Amino acid sequence: MIVSKNLKNGSVPFMGVKGAAEREAVMRLNENIVGLAEQVRELQTSLLTAQRELSGCLARLSALEAV
């Protein structure tokens, strides 16, 4: 079963970071986190769709075997 949860620390604040290079690095990491979260959501959706289709196929196969 797929359980969808929000990321514990989905976004790290970067405004308190003093150095420009470090602040830029944290901003880029945050962008990566957002991108990965989107990909995980898409994979979860695809997997749920595949599971539903498989379940339907197995039900049809069972019905054919019963004949």
PDB file of N, CA and C in Angstrom:
ATOM      1  N   MET A   1       0.841  -1.178   0.000  1.00  0.00           N
ATOM      2  CA  MET A   1       0.000   0.000   0.000  1.00  0.00           C
ATOM      3  C   MET A   1       0.884   1.239   0.000  1.00  0.00           C
ATOM      4  N   ILE A   2       0.483   2.213  -0.755  1.00  0.00           N
ATOM      5  CA  ILE A   2       1.236   3.456  -0.849  1.00  0.00           C
ATOM      6  C   ILE A   2       0.672   4.456   0.148  1.00  0.00           C
ATOM      7  N   VAL A   3       1.556   5.030   0.936  1.00  0.00           N
ATOM      8  CA  VAL A   3       1.170   6.073   1.878  1.00  0.00           C
ATOM      9  C   VAL A   3       1.893   7.343   1.457  1.00  0.00           C
ATOM     10  N   SER A   4       1.125   8.367   1.143  1.00  0.00           N
ATOM     11  CA  SER A   4       1.703   9.630   0.718  1.00  0.00           C
ATOM     12  C   SER A   4       1.837  10.550   1.929  1.00  0.00           C
ATOM     13  N   LYS A   5       3.053  10.990   2.187  1.00  0.00           N
ATOM     14  CA  LYS A   5       3.320  11.876   3.313  1.00  0.00           C
ATOM     15  C   LYS A   5       4.088  13.090   2.826  1.00  0.00           C
ATOM     16  N   ASN A   6       3.894  14.191   3.507  1.00  0.00           N
ATOM     17  CA  ASN A   6       4.686  15.377   3.203  1.00  0.00           C
ATOM     18  C   ASN A   6       6.102  15.167   3.730  1.00  0.00           C
ATOM     19  N   LEU A   7       7.049  15.827   3.097  1.00  0.00           N
ATOM     20  CA  LEU A   7       8.423  15.756   3.565  1.00  0.00           C
ATOM     21  C   LEU A   7       8.528  16.438   4.919  1.00  0.00           C
ATOM     22  N   LYS A   8       9.260  15.819   5.813  1.00  0.00           N
ATOM     23  CA  LYS A   8       9.385  16.336   7.174  1.00  0.00           C
ATOM     24  C   LYS A   8       9.928  17.768   7.178  1.00  0.00           C
ATOM     25  N   ASN A   9      10.971  17.987   6.431  1.00  0.00           N
ATOM     26  CA  ASN A   9      11.574  19.327   6.308  1.00  0.00           C
ATOM     27  C   ASN A   9      11.624  19.688   4.831  1.00  0.00           C
ATOM     28  N   GLY A  10      10.453  19.801   4.239  1.00  0.00           N
ATOM     29  CA  GLY A  10      10.344  19.985   2.794  1.00  0.00           C
ATOM     30  C   GLY A  10      11.062  21.195   2.250  1.00  0.00           C
ATOM     31  N   SER A  11      11.183  22.222   3.042  1.00  0.00           N
ATOM     32  CA  SER A  11      11.873  23.413   2.582  1.00  0.00           C
ATOM     33  C   SER A  11      12.711  23.950   3.744  1.00  0.00           C
ATOM     34  N   VAL A  12      13.947  24.217   3.467  1.00  0.00           N
ATOM     35  CA  VAL A  12      14.846  24.722   4.503  1.00  0.00           C
ATOM     36  C   VAL A  12      14.965  26.233   4.313  1.00  0.00           C
ATOM     37  N   PRO A  13      14.711  27.017   5.379  1.00  0.00           N
ATOM     38  CA  PRO A  13      14.818  28.471   5.234  1.00  0.00           C
ATOM     39  C   PRO A  13      16.251  28.882   4.893  1.00  0.00           C
ATOM     40  N   PHE A  14      16.368  29.800   3.956  1.00  0.00           N
ATOM     41  CA  PHE A  14      17.698  30.220   3.530  1.00  0.00           C
ATOM     42  C   PHE A  14      17.965  31.694   3.810  1.00  0.00           C
ATOM     43  N   MET A  15      16.957  32.414   4.254  1.00  0.00           N
ATOM     44  CA  MET A  15      17.135  33.847   4.473  1.00  0.00           C
ATOM     45  C   MET A  15      18.129  34.140   5.606  1.00  0.00           C
ATOM     46  N   GLY A  16      18.248  33.243   6.589  1.00  0.00           N
ATOM     47  CA  GLY A  16      19.170  33.462   7.695  1.00  0.00           C
ATOM     48  C   GLY A  16      20.607  33.096   7.373  1.00  0.00           C
ATOM     49  N   VAL A  17      20.827  32.516   6.194  1.00  0.00           N
ATOM     50  CA  VAL A  17      22.191  32.118   5.809  1.00  0.00           C
ATOM     51  C   VAL A  17      22.936  33.374   5.361  1.00  0.00           C
ATOM     52  N   LYS A  18      24.066  33.641   5.994  1.00  0.00           N
ATOM     53  CA  LYS A  18      24.774  34.907   5.765  1.00  0.00           C
ATOM     54  C   LYS A  18      25.544  34.953   4.448  1.00  0.00           C
ATOM     55  N   GLY A  19      26.239  33.872   4.135  1.00  0.00           N
ATOM     56  CA  GLY A  19      27.069  33.883   2.932  1.00  0.00           C
ATOM     57  C   GLY A  19      26.233  33.711   1.671  1.00  0.00           C
ATOM     58  N   ALA A  20      26.550  34.487   0.651  1.00  0.00           N
ATOM     59  CA  ALA A  20      25.797  34.428  -0.613  1.00  0.00           C
ATOM     60  C   ALA A  20      25.926  33.056  -1.275  1.00  0.00           C
ATOM     61  N   ALA A  21      27.116  32.486  -1.251  1.00  0.00           N
ATOM     62  CA  ALA A  21      27.329  31.178  -1.881  1.00  0.00           C
ATOM     63  C   ALA A  21      26.553  30.100  -1.142  1.00  0.00           C
ATOM     64  N   GLU A  22      26.566  30.167   0.180  1.00  0.00           N
ATOM     65  CA  GLU A  22      25.839  29.175   0.977  1.00  0.00           C
ATOM     66  C   GLU A  22      24.333  29.327   0.788  1.00  0.00           C
ATOM     67  N   ARG A  23      23.860  30.574   0.768  1.00  0.00           N
ATOM     68  CA  ARG A  23      22.436  30.838   0.551  1.00  0.00           C
ATOM     69  C   ARG A  23      21.994  30.301  -0.816  1.00  0.00           C
ATOM     70  N   GLU A  24      22.818  30.522  -1.815  1.00  0.00           N
ATOM     71  CA  GLU A  24      22.530  30.021  -3.167  1.00  0.00           C
ATOM     72  C   GLU A  24      22.478  28.494  -3.170  1.00  0.00           C
ATOM     73  N   ALA A  25      23.406  27.860  -2.448  1.00  0.00           N
ATOM     74  CA  ALA A  25      23.437  26.395  -2.379  1.00  0.00           C
ATOM     75  C   ALA A  25      22.173  25.861  -1.713  1.00  0.00           C
ATOM     76  N   VAL A  26      21.734  26.495  -0.626  1.00  0.00           N
ATOM     77  CA  VAL A  26      20.518  26.052   0.061  1.00  0.00           C
ATOM     78  C   VAL A  26      19.304  26.247  -0.850  1.00  0.00           C
ATOM     79  N   MET A  27      19.266  27.361  -1.570  1.00  0.00           N
ATOM     80  CA  MET A  27      18.158  27.605  -2.502  1.00  0.00           C
ATOM     81  C   MET A  27      18.111  26.507  -3.571  1.00  0.00           C
ATOM     82  N   ARG A  28      19.255  26.138  -4.096  1.00  0.00           N
ATOM     83  CA  ARG A  28      19.306  25.086  -5.126  1.00  0.00           C
ATOM     84  C   ARG A  28      18.891  23.730  -4.544  1.00  0.00           C
ATOM     85  N   LEU A  29      19.309  23.451  -3.330  1.00  0.00           N
ATOM     86  CA  LEU A  29      18.894  22.204  -2.683  1.00  0.00           C
ATOM     87  C   LEU A  29      17.382  22.176  -2.482  1.00  0.00           C
ATOM     88  N   ASN A  30      16.810  23.313  -2.094  1.00  0.00           N
ATOM     89  CA  ASN A  30      15.353  23.395  -1.949  1.00  0.00           C
ATOM     90  C   ASN A  30      14.652  23.119  -3.279  1.00  0.00           C
ATOM     91  N   GLU A  31      15.193  23.662  -4.367  1.00  0.00           N
ATOM     92  CA  GLU A  31      14.617  23.398  -5.692  1.00  0.00           C
ATOM     93  C   GLU A  31      14.691  21.905  -6.020  1.00  0.00           C
ATOM     94  N   ASN A  32      15.798  21.269  -5.669  1.00  0.00           N
ATOM     95  CA  ASN A  32      15.934  19.831  -5.908  1.00  0.00           C
ATOM     96  C   ASN A  32      14.915  19.045  -5.091  1.00  0.00           C
ATOM     97  N   ILE A  33      14.710  19.454  -3.848  1.00  0.00           N
ATOM     98  CA  ILE A  33      13.741  18.774  -2.984  1.00  0.00           C
ATOM     99  C   ILE A  33      12.347  18.865  -3.593  1.00  0.00           C
ATOM    100  N   VAL A  34      11.972  20.034  -4.069  1.00  0.00           N
ATOM    101  CA  VAL A  34      10.659  20.219  -4.689  1.00  0.00           C
ATOM    102  C   VAL A  34      10.535  19.331  -5.933  1.00  0.00           C
ATOM    103  N   GLY A  35      11.584  19.302  -6.746  1.00  0.00           N
ATOM    104  CA  GLY A  35      11.557  18.465  -7.947  1.00  0.00           C
ATOM    105  C   GLY A  35      11.439  16.985  -7.617  1.00  0.00           C
ATOM    106  N   LEU A  36      12.174  16.539  -6.618  1.00  0.00           N
ATOM    107  CA  LEU A  36      12.101  15.129  -6.212  1.00  0.00           C
ATOM    108  C   LEU A  36      10.728  14.794  -5.639  1.00  0.00           C
ATOM    109  N   ALA A  37      10.150  15.701  -4.870  1.00  0.00           N
ATOM    110  CA  ALA A  37       8.810  15.467  -4.315  1.00  0.00           C
ATOM    111  C   ALA A  37       7.786  15.317  -5.444  1.00  0.00           C
ATOM    112  N   GLU A  38       7.901  16.131  -6.488  1.00  0.00           N
ATOM    113  CA  GLU A  38       6.993  16.021  -7.636  1.00  0.00           C
ATOM    114  C   GLU A  38       7.164  14.674  -8.334  1.00  0.00           C
ATOM    115  N   GLN A  39       8.410  14.238  -8.496  1.00  0.00           N
ATOM    116  CA  GLN A  39       8.658  12.955  -9.148  1.00  0.00           C
ATOM    117  C   GLN A  39       8.105  11.798  -8.320  1.00  0.00           C
ATOM    118  N   VAL A  40       8.258  11.863  -7.004  1.00  0.00           N
ATOM    119  CA  VAL A  40       7.734  10.810  -6.135  1.00  0.00           C
ATOM    120  C   VAL A  40       6.212  10.759  -6.245  1.00  0.00           C
ATOM    121  N   ARG A  41       5.561  11.928  -6.236  1.00  0.00           N
ATOM    122  CA  ARG A  41       4.093  11.960  -6.385  1.00  0.00           C
ATOM    123  C   ARG A  41       3.664  11.330  -7.707  1.00  0.00           C
ATOM    124  N   GLU A  42       4.382  11.654  -8.786  1.00  0.00           N
ATOM    125  CA  GLU A  42       4.057  11.094 -10.096  1.00  0.00           C
ATOM    126  C   GLU A  42       4.241   9.577 -10.104  1.00  0.00           C
ATOM    127  N   LEU A  43       5.314   9.093  -9.502  1.00  0.00           N
ATOM    128  CA  LEU A  43       5.550   7.648  -9.423  1.00  0.00           C
ATOM    129  C   LEU A  43       4.471   6.959  -8.593  1.00  0.00           C
ATOM    130  N   GLN A  44       4.063   7.580  -7.491  1.00  0.00           N
ATOM    131  CA  GLN A  44       3.014   6.998  -6.657  1.00  0.00           C
ATOM    132  C   GLN A  44       1.705   6.903  -7.431  1.00  0.00           C
ATOM    133  N   THR A  45       1.379   7.950  -8.168  1.00  0.00           N
ATOM    134  CA  THR A  45       0.158   7.947  -8.965  1.00  0.00           C
ATOM    135  C   THR A  45       0.214   6.854 -10.023  1.00  0.00           C
ATOM    136  N   SER A  46       1.359   6.729 -10.690  1.00  0.00           N
ATOM    137  CA  SER A  46       1.523   5.698 -11.723  1.00  0.00           C
ATOM    138  C   SER A  46       1.412   4.301 -11.126  1.00  0.00           C
ATOM    139  N   LEU A  47       2.011   4.098  -9.966  1.00  0.00           N
ATOM    140  CA  LEU A  47       1.964   2.792  -9.318  1.00  0.00           C
ATOM    141  C   LEU A  47       0.545   2.438  -8.899  1.00  0.00           C
ATOM    142  N   LEU A  48      -0.192   3.403  -8.365  1.00  0.00           N
ATOM    143  CA  LEU A  48      -1.583   3.147  -7.994  1.00  0.00           C
ATOM    144  C   LEU A  48      -2.414   2.769  -9.215  1.00  0.00           C
ATOM    145  N   THR A  49      -2.189   3.458 -10.328  1.00  0.00           N
ATOM    146  CA  THR A  49      -2.897   3.138 -11.568  1.00  0.00           C
ATOM    147  C   THR A  49      -2.561   1.720 -12.021  1.00  0.00           C
ATOM    148  N   ALA A  50      -1.281   1.364 -11.987  1.00  0.00           N
ATOM    149  CA  ALA A  50      -0.855   0.025 -12.396  1.00  0.00           C
ATOM    150  C   ALA A  50      -1.450  -1.039 -11.473  1.00  0.00           C
ATOM    151  N   GLN A  51      -1.512  -0.760 -10.176  1.00  0.00           N
ATOM    152  CA  GLN A  51      -2.094  -1.717  -9.236  1.00  0.00           C
ATOM    153  C   GLN A  51      -3.582  -1.930  -9.521  1.00  0.00           C
ATOM    154  N   ARG A  52      -4.298  -0.848  -9.816  1.00  0.00           N
ATOM    155  CA  ARG A  52      -5.729  -0.978 -10.145  1.00  0.00           C
ATOM    156  C   ARG A  52      -5.919  -1.793 -11.418  1.00  0.00           C
ATOM    157  N   GLU A  53      -5.102  -1.519 -12.430  1.00  0.00           N
ATOM    158  CA  GLU A  53      -5.203  -2.265 -13.688  1.00  0.00           C
ATOM    159  C   GLU A  53      -4.875  -3.740 -13.475  1.00  0.00           C
ATOM    160  N   LEU A  54      -3.847  -4.025 -12.698  1.00  0.00           N
ATOM    161  CA  LEU A  54      -3.481  -5.405 -12.406  1.00  0.00           C
ATOM    162  C   LEU A  54      -4.601  -6.113 -11.659  1.00  0.00           C
ATOM    163  N   SER A  55      -5.193  -5.431 -10.709  1.00  0.00           N
ATOM    164  CA  SER A  55      -6.296  -6.013  -9.947  1.00  0.00           C
ATOM    165  C   SER A  55      -7.462  -6.358 -10.870  1.00  0.00           C
ATOM    166  N   GLY A  56      -7.770  -5.479 -11.806  1.00  0.00           N
ATOM    167  CA  GLY A  56      -8.833  -5.739 -12.779  1.00  0.00           C
ATOM    168  C   GLY A  56      -8.498  -6.924 -13.669  1.00  0.00           C
ATOM    169  N   CYS A  57      -7.252  -6.994 -14.115  1.00  0.00           N
ATOM    170  CA  CYS A  57      -6.832  -8.116 -14.963  1.00  0.00           C
ATOM    171  C   CYS A  57      -6.932  -9.439 -14.206  1.00  0.00           C
ATOM    172  N   LEU A  58      -6.510  -9.419 -12.950  1.00  0.00           N
ATOM    173  CA  LEU A  58      -6.577 -10.647 -12.150  1.00  0.00           C
ATOM    174  C   LEU A  58      -8.023 -11.069 -11.916  1.00  0.00           C
ATOM    175  N   ALA A  59      -8.910 -10.121 -11.735  1.00  0.00           N
ATOM    176  CA  ALA A  59     -10.322 -10.446 -11.556  1.00  0.00           C
ATOM    177  C   ALA A  59     -10.892 -11.062 -12.836  1.00  0.00           C
ATOM    178  N   ARG A  60     -10.534 -10.502 -13.988  1.00  0.00           N
ATOM    179  CA  ARG A  60     -11.009 -11.069 -15.261  1.00  0.00           C
ATOM    180  C   ARG A  60     -10.443 -12.463 -15.482  1.00  0.00           C
ATOM    181  N   LEU A  61      -9.177 -12.662 -15.144  1.00  0.00           N
ATOM    182  CA  LEU A  61      -8.548 -13.976 -15.284  1.00  0.00           C
ATOM    183  C   LEU A  61      -9.241 -14.996 -14.378  1.00  0.00           C
ATOM    184  N   SER A  62      -9.564 -14.603 -13.184  1.00  0.00           N
ATOM    185  CA  SER A  62     -10.256 -15.479 -12.259  1.00  0.00           C
ATOM    186  C   SER A  62     -11.625 -15.881 -12.813  1.00  0.00           C
ATOM    187  N   ALA A  63     -12.309 -14.906 -13.401  1.00  0.00           N
ATOM    188  CA  ALA A  63     -13.629 -15.173 -13.969  1.00  0.00           C
ATOM    189  C   ALA A  63     -13.512 -16.144 -15.141  1.00  0.00           C
ATOM    190  N   LEU A  64     -12.470 -15.988 -15.962  1.00  0.00           N
ATOM    191  CA  LEU A  64     -12.277 -16.891 -17.094  1.00  0.00           C
ATOM    192  C   LEU A  64     -11.932 -18.305 -16.619  1.00  0.00           C
ATOM    193  N   GLU A  65     -11.149 -18.414 -15.584  1.00  0.00           N
ATOM    194  CA  GLU A  65     -10.767 -19.717 -15.064  1.00  0.00           C
ATOM    195  C   GLU A  65     -11.983 -20.446 -14.457  1.00  0.00           C
ATOM    196  N   ALA A  66     -12.926 -19.689 -13.958  1.00  0.00           N
ATOM    197  CA  ALA A  66     -14.112 -20.278 -13.331  1.00  0.00           C
ATOM    198  C   ALA A  66     -15.076 -20.864 -14.369  1.00  0.00           C
ATOM    199  N   VAL A  67     -14.913 -20.463 -15.613  1.00  0.00           N
ATOM    200  CA  VAL A  67     -15.812 -20.941 -16.663  1.00  0.00           C
ATOM    201  C   VAL A  67     -15.483 -22.340 -17.094  1.00  0.00           C
TER     202      VAL A  67
END
